[in-house]
Amino acid sequence: MNRRCLLDSNVVDELLARPDLRRHFQERVVAHNLEVFVTHVQWDEVAATPSSASRADLLTVLRTIGATEVPTSGFVIGVSRLDMARLTSSEDAARHRAYVGRSTRRSRDALLLATAEREGLVFVTQEVKPRNLARMRAHFPAVEIIGVDDV
């Protein structure tokens, strides 16, 4: 089965920590039964890693898993890059605001989830808190959300 996935940034950490899992992803990409997508959000989060050694390792993972970059579906001032984001409808912007609420830290996740929805991608995450997963599913019900071991 060809699966098309958008990775949450936390999955990059898991791929670094588990070389066997990284190989599994790479082999499936080469065999054309997995397409992996990322946005500038994942690149930016990895680039902001404080430890230069960890940052270099994480960037290597992103470069070597065979991911294709897609623009985010939505634009958030202070997060989005003009040349790597799409403007969306007022309805989508309202949903983004509802998902984020008072926690601007959720803006990146909202951009990723909206992108997965627009592109028809499965969202792969290492999120384990039931409350956070429920919030994702409530605001983005069309997006299939799975754990990294389910890819």
Protein backbone atom coordinates (compact mmCIF):
# COMPACT_ATOMS: atom_id res chain seq x y z
CA MET A 1 0.00 0.00 0.00
CA ASN A 2 1.29 3.45 -0.88
CA ARG A 3 0.93 5.65 2.17
CA ARG A 4 1.38 9.42 1.99
CA CYS A 5 2.45 10.93 5.33
CA LEU A 6 3.25 14.32 6.80
CA LEU A 7 5.63 14.02 9.74
CA ASP A 8 5.18 15.89 12.99
CA SER A 9 8.47 17.46 14.08
CA ASN A 10 8.68 15.11 17.06
CA VAL A 11 8.92 12.15 14.66
CA VAL A 12 12.33 13.38 13.48
CA ASP A 13 13.64 12.90 17.03
CA GLU A 14 12.26 9.36 17.05
CA LEU A 15 13.83 8.56 13.68
CA LEU A 16 17.18 9.73 15.04
CA ALA A 17 16.83 7.67 18.21
CA ARG A 18 15.77 4.53 16.31
CA PRO A 19 18.03 3.78 13.32
CA ASP A 20 15.97 0.65 12.56
CA LEU A 21 12.85 2.78 12.19
CA ARG A 22 14.72 5.29 10.00
CA ARG A 23 15.88 2.42 7.76
CA HIS A 24 12.30 1.14 7.59
CA PHE A 25 11.11 4.57 6.40
CA GLN A 26 13.94 4.86 3.88
CA GLU A 27 13.33 1.36 2.48
CA ARG A 28 9.62 2.02 2.05
CA VAL A 29 10.33 5.34 0.31
CA VAL A 30 12.77 3.65 -2.08
CA ALA A 31 10.23 0.87 -2.73
CA HIS A 32 7.63 3.54 -3.58
CA ASN A 33 5.14 2.39 -0.96
CA LEU A 34 5.69 5.38 1.33
CA GLU A 35 5.78 9.06 0.48
CA VAL A 36 7.05 11.32 3.26
CA PHE A 37 6.31 15.03 3.31
CA VAL A 38 7.56 17.88 5.48
CA THR A 39 7.14 21.64 5.51
CA HIS A 40 9.39 24.48 6.51
CA VAL A 41 7.95 24.07 10.02
CA GLN A 42 9.85 20.82 10.61
CA TRP A 43 13.05 22.27 9.12
CA ASP A 44 12.73 25.40 11.27
CA GLU A 45 12.06 23.46 14.47
CA VAL A 46 15.06 21.21 13.86
CA ALA A 47 17.23 24.22 12.99
CA ALA A 48 16.26 25.77 16.34
CA THR A 49 17.65 22.80 18.31
CA PRO A 50 20.04 24.32 20.88
CA SER A 51 22.72 21.62 20.73
CA SER A 52 24.74 21.92 17.53
CA ALA A 53 25.56 18.19 17.54
CA SER A 54 21.89 17.18 17.95
CA ARG A 55 20.83 19.78 15.40
CA ALA A 56 23.29 18.39 12.83
CA ASP A 57 22.08 14.81 13.45
CA LEU A 58 18.41 15.82 13.16
CA LEU A 59 19.07 17.76 9.95
CA THR A 60 20.79 14.69 8.53
CA VAL A 61 17.71 12.60 9.32
CA LEU A 62 15.49 15.10 7.51
CA ARG A 63 17.81 15.13 4.51
CA THR A 64 18.12 11.35 4.24
CA ILE A 65 14.59 10.02 4.74
CA GLY A 66 13.53 10.98 1.24
CA ALA A 67 10.99 13.60 2.25
CA THR A 68 9.35 16.00 -0.18
CA GLU A 69 8.74 19.55 1.02
CA VAL A 70 5.27 21.07 0.63
CA PRO A 71 4.07 24.56 1.55
CA THR A 72 2.02 24.91 4.70
CA SER A 73 -1.70 25.38 4.36
CA GLY A 74 -2.06 28.64 6.21
CA PHE A 75 0.10 31.54 7.22
CA VAL A 76 0.95 32.55 10.78
CA ILE A 77 2.95 35.70 11.41
CA GLY A 78 6.13 34.84 13.26
CA VAL A 79 5.96 31.18 12.22
CA SER A 80 5.32 30.98 8.49
CA ARG A 81 7.67 31.83 5.66
CA LEU A 82 6.15 33.87 2.87
CA ASP A 83 7.59 31.71 0.11
CA MET A 84 6.68 28.43 1.83
CA ALA A 85 3.08 28.96 2.91
CA ARG A 86 -0.33 29.27 1.28
CA LEU A 87 -3.05 31.65 2.30
CA THR A 88 -6.30 29.97 3.26
CA SER A 89 -9.96 30.83 3.63
CA SER A 90 -11.40 32.80 6.52
CA GLU A 91 -13.12 29.59 7.68
CA ASP A 92 -9.77 27.77 7.84
CA ALA A 93 -8.22 30.72 9.66
CA ALA A 94 -11.05 30.64 12.21
CA ARG A 95 -10.51 26.91 12.75
CA HIS A 96 -6.78 27.56 13.21
CA ARG A 97 -7.55 30.19 15.87
CA ALA A 98 -9.98 27.82 17.60
CA TYR A 99 -7.38 25.04 17.68
CA VAL A 100 -4.62 27.32 18.95
CA GLY A 101 -6.77 29.05 21.57
CA ARG A 102 -4.57 30.89 24.04
CA SER A 103 -1.57 28.64 23.43
CA THR A 104 0.38 30.05 20.50
CA ARG A 105 2.68 26.99 20.77
CA ARG A 106 -0.07 25.09 18.97
CA SER A 107 0.31 27.25 15.83
CA ARG A 108 2.90 24.94 14.31
CA ASP A 109 0.76 21.86 14.91
CA ALA A 110 -2.27 23.64 13.44
CA LEU A 111 -0.28 24.49 10.31
CA LEU A 112 0.89 20.89 9.97
CA LEU A 113 -2.58 19.45 10.52
CA ALA A 114 -4.14 21.89 8.03
CA THR A 115 -1.45 20.96 5.52
CA ALA A 116 -2.09 17.24 6.02
CA GLU A 117 -5.78 17.87 5.46
CA ARG A 118 -5.30 19.95 2.31
CA GLU A 119 -2.80 17.51 0.79
CA GLY A 120 -4.72 14.37 1.79
CA LEU A 121 -1.85 13.13 3.97
CA VAL A 122 -1.77 10.95 7.06
CA PHE A 123 -0.34 12.91 10.02
CA VAL A 124 2.37 10.92 11.80
CA THR A 125 3.12 12.03 15.35
CA GLN A 126 4.71 10.92 18.58
CA GLU A 127 2.10 12.82 20.57
CA VAL A 128 1.00 10.57 23.41
CA LYS A 129 -1.23 12.78 25.55
CA PRO A 130 -4.83 11.70 24.95
CA ARG A 131 -6.11 15.24 25.51
CA ASN A 132 -3.82 16.64 22.80
CA LEU A 133 -4.72 13.88 20.34
CA ALA A 134 -8.42 14.45 21.03
CA ARG A 135 -7.97 18.17 20.35
CA MET A 136 -6.23 17.43 17.05
CA ARG A 137 -8.96 15.03 15.96
CA ALA A 138 -11.77 17.36 17.04
CA HIS A 139 -10.46 20.32 15.03
CA PHE A 140 -9.14 18.31 12.05
CA PRO A 141 -11.54 15.35 11.79
CA ALA A 142 -10.66 14.64 8.15
CA VAL A 143 -7.02 13.96 9.03
CA GLU A 144 -5.95 10.43 9.88
CA ILE A 145 -3.54 10.70 12.82
CA ILE A 146 -1.23 7.78 13.57
CA GLY A 147 1.85 6.98 15.62
CA VAL A 148 5.25 6.44 14.06
CA ASP A 149 5.10 2.68 14.67
CA ASP A 150 1.89 2.46 12.62
CA VAL A 151 3.53 3.66 9.40
